[in-house]
């Protein structure tokens, strides 16, 4: 019985050595966090020891009498596993999330025939049922 416990203990130790050890902890070099109660403004930023930088600021925004939301803008950069530095800036408000970065894919241009068709459709009067729904 003792021999079986001894063998099982050795097996447990050998498997424990194969478990990946935690990676190095990346320190935070600088950090700022500001929240203004009136107006709902905020701003935060930090930089970590691996070169990652993050900044975001925002505030509450009234869209109309019934709707409010938050308008934020920010940016971040980091080094990818390929060694390149990636940077992204963004805004997020009533127009949605709008990221910008050189590494982001871009859509193909709209074909000229579609551009002409959309321009033509914009010159037409609204459909009759839409006009009736307005009254």
Protein backbone atom coordinates (compact mmCIF):
# COMPACT_ATOMS: atom_id res chain seq x y z
CA UNK A 1 0.00 0.00 0.00
CA UNK A 2 2.80 2.41 0.89
CA UNK A 3 4.54 1.54 -2.34
CA UNK A 4 1.39 2.43 -4.36
CA UNK A 5 1.13 5.81 -2.57
CA UNK A 6 4.81 6.41 -3.25
CA UNK A 7 4.41 5.65 -6.99
CA UNK A 8 1.29 7.82 -7.25
CA UNK A 9 3.13 10.67 -5.50
CA UNK A 10 6.00 10.44 -7.98
CA UNK A 11 3.55 10.48 -10.88
CA UNK A 12 1.78 13.53 -9.46
CA UNK A 13 5.08 15.38 -9.08
CA UNK A 14 6.14 14.55 -12.63
CA UNK A 15 2.81 15.79 -14.04
CA UNK A 16 2.98 18.96 -11.93
CA UNK A 17 6.33 19.87 -13.51
CA UNK A 18 4.74 19.75 -16.98
CA UNK A 19 2.11 22.35 -16.05
CA UNK A 20 2.94 25.71 -17.60
CA UNK A 21 4.25 28.15 -15.06
CA UNK A 22 2.60 31.60 -14.91
CA UNK A 23 4.08 34.16 -17.25
CA UNK A 24 5.89 37.20 -15.94
CA UNK A 25 3.64 39.84 -14.43
CA UNK A 26 3.64 43.02 -16.53
CA UNK A 27 3.85 46.10 -14.32
CA UNK A 28 1.72 49.22 -14.75
CA UNK A 29 4.11 52.14 -15.27
CA UNK A 30 1.55 54.93 -15.08
CA UNK A 31 -2.17 55.15 -14.45
CA UNK A 32 -4.70 57.98 -14.25
CA UNK A 33 -8.43 57.82 -13.51
CA UNK A 34 -10.58 60.96 -13.29
CA UNK A 35 -14.36 60.95 -12.79
CA UNK A 36 -16.41 64.15 -12.56
CA UNK A 37 -19.79 63.59 -10.97
CA UNK A 38 -21.44 66.59 -12.60
CA UNK A 39 -21.80 66.16 -16.35
CA UNK A 40 -20.70 62.54 -16.25
CA UNK A 41 -17.24 63.26 -17.60
CA UNK A 42 -14.48 60.72 -17.17
CA UNK A 43 -10.96 60.08 -18.36
CA UNK A 44 -8.56 57.23 -17.79
CA UNK A 45 -5.22 56.17 -19.12
CA UNK A 46 -2.45 53.73 -18.34
CA UNK A 47 0.84 52.48 -19.69
CA UNK A 48 2.22 49.04 -18.94
CA UNK A 49 5.74 47.70 -18.87
CA UNK A 50 5.34 45.92 -22.21
CA UNK A 51 4.67 49.22 -24.02
CA UNK A 52 0.88 48.98 -24.11
CA UNK A 53 -0.75 52.43 -23.86
CA UNK A 54 -4.46 53.10 -23.37
CA UNK A 55 -6.42 56.37 -23.11
CA UNK A 56 -10.16 57.00 -23.10
CA UNK A 57 -12.33 59.98 -22.21
CA UNK A 58 -16.02 60.61 -22.43
CA UNK A 59 -19.09 62.37 -21.15
CA UNK A 60 -22.85 62.04 -21.03
CA UNK A 61 -24.53 63.49 -24.09
CA UNK A 62 -28.16 64.46 -24.64
CA UNK A 63 -29.43 63.37 -28.04
CA UNK A 64 -32.90 64.90 -27.64
CA UNK A 65 -35.46 65.43 -24.85
CA UNK A 66 -35.99 61.68 -24.42
CA UNK A 67 -32.62 60.16 -25.25
CA UNK A 68 -29.19 60.44 -23.72
CA UNK A 69 -26.07 58.43 -24.08
CA UNK A 70 -22.37 58.54 -23.72
CA UNK A 71 -19.88 59.99 -26.18
CA UNK A 72 -16.38 58.57 -25.83
CA UNK A 73 -13.13 58.76 -27.68
CA UNK A 74 -9.96 56.90 -27.08
CA UNK A 75 -6.89 55.22 -28.41
CA UNK A 76 -4.60 52.35 -27.60
CA UNK A 77 -1.42 50.80 -28.91
CA UNK A 78 0.35 47.53 -28.23
CA UNK A 79 3.04 45.29 -29.66
CA UNK A 80 1.64 42.23 -31.42
CA UNK A 81 3.15 38.76 -31.32
CA UNK A 82 4.65 39.53 -34.73
CA UNK A 83 6.71 42.37 -33.20
CA UNK A 84 4.76 45.16 -34.90
CA UNK A 85 3.18 48.00 -32.95
CA UNK A 86 -0.56 48.29 -33.55
CA UNK A 87 -2.39 51.55 -32.87
CA UNK A 88 -6.10 52.19 -32.92
CA UNK A 89 -8.16 55.31 -32.23
CA UNK A 90 -11.93 55.38 -31.95
CA UNK A 91 -15.04 57.35 -31.19
CA UNK A 92 -18.32 55.92 -29.94
CA UNK A 93 -21.44 58.08 -29.81
CA UNK A 94 -24.89 58.37 -31.40
CA UNK A 95 -23.23 57.51 -34.73
CA UNK A 96 -21.93 54.18 -33.42
CA UNK A 97 -18.44 52.81 -32.86
CA UNK A 98 -15.93 54.18 -35.37
CA UNK A 99 -12.44 52.68 -35.14
CA UNK A 100 -9.45 53.91 -37.16
CA UNK A 101 -6.19 52.06 -37.57
CA UNK A 102 -3.75 51.27 -40.36
CA UNK A 103 -4.10 47.54 -39.67
CA UNK A 104 -7.91 47.45 -39.99
CA UNK A 105 -9.40 46.06 -43.20
CA UNK A 106 -11.06 48.57 -45.53
CA UNK A 107 -14.11 47.90 -47.68
CA UNK A 108 -13.75 47.90 -51.46
CA UNK A 109 -14.91 51.04 -53.28
CA UNK A 110 -18.60 51.25 -54.22
CA UNK A 111 -19.03 50.47 -57.93
CA UNK A 112 -19.77 53.54 -60.08
CA UNK A 113 -23.08 52.08 -61.29
CA UNK A 114 -24.30 51.80 -57.69
CA UNK A 115 -23.19 55.37 -56.93
CA UNK A 116 -25.19 56.63 -59.95
CA UNK A 117 -28.25 54.54 -58.98
CA UNK A 118 -28.21 55.88 -55.41
CA UNK A 119 -27.87 59.46 -56.68
CA UNK A 120 -30.85 58.93 -59.01
CA UNK A 121 -32.99 57.39 -56.24
CA UNK A 122 -32.25 60.37 -54.00
CA UNK A 123 -33.88 62.69 -56.58
CA UNK A 124 -37.20 60.79 -56.64
CA UNK A 125 -40.18 61.92 -54.52
CA UNK A 126 -40.99 59.77 -51.47
CA UNK A 127 -43.44 56.86 -51.96
CA UNK A 128 -47.12 57.71 -51.51
CA UNK A 129 -47.55 55.45 -48.45
CA UNK A 130 -44.70 57.27 -46.63
CA UNK A 131 -46.42 60.62 -47.18
CA UNK A 132 -49.72 59.24 -45.87
CA UNK A 133 -48.02 57.90 -42.72
CA UNK A 134 -46.70 61.36 -41.90
CA UNK A 135 -50.24 62.75 -41.47
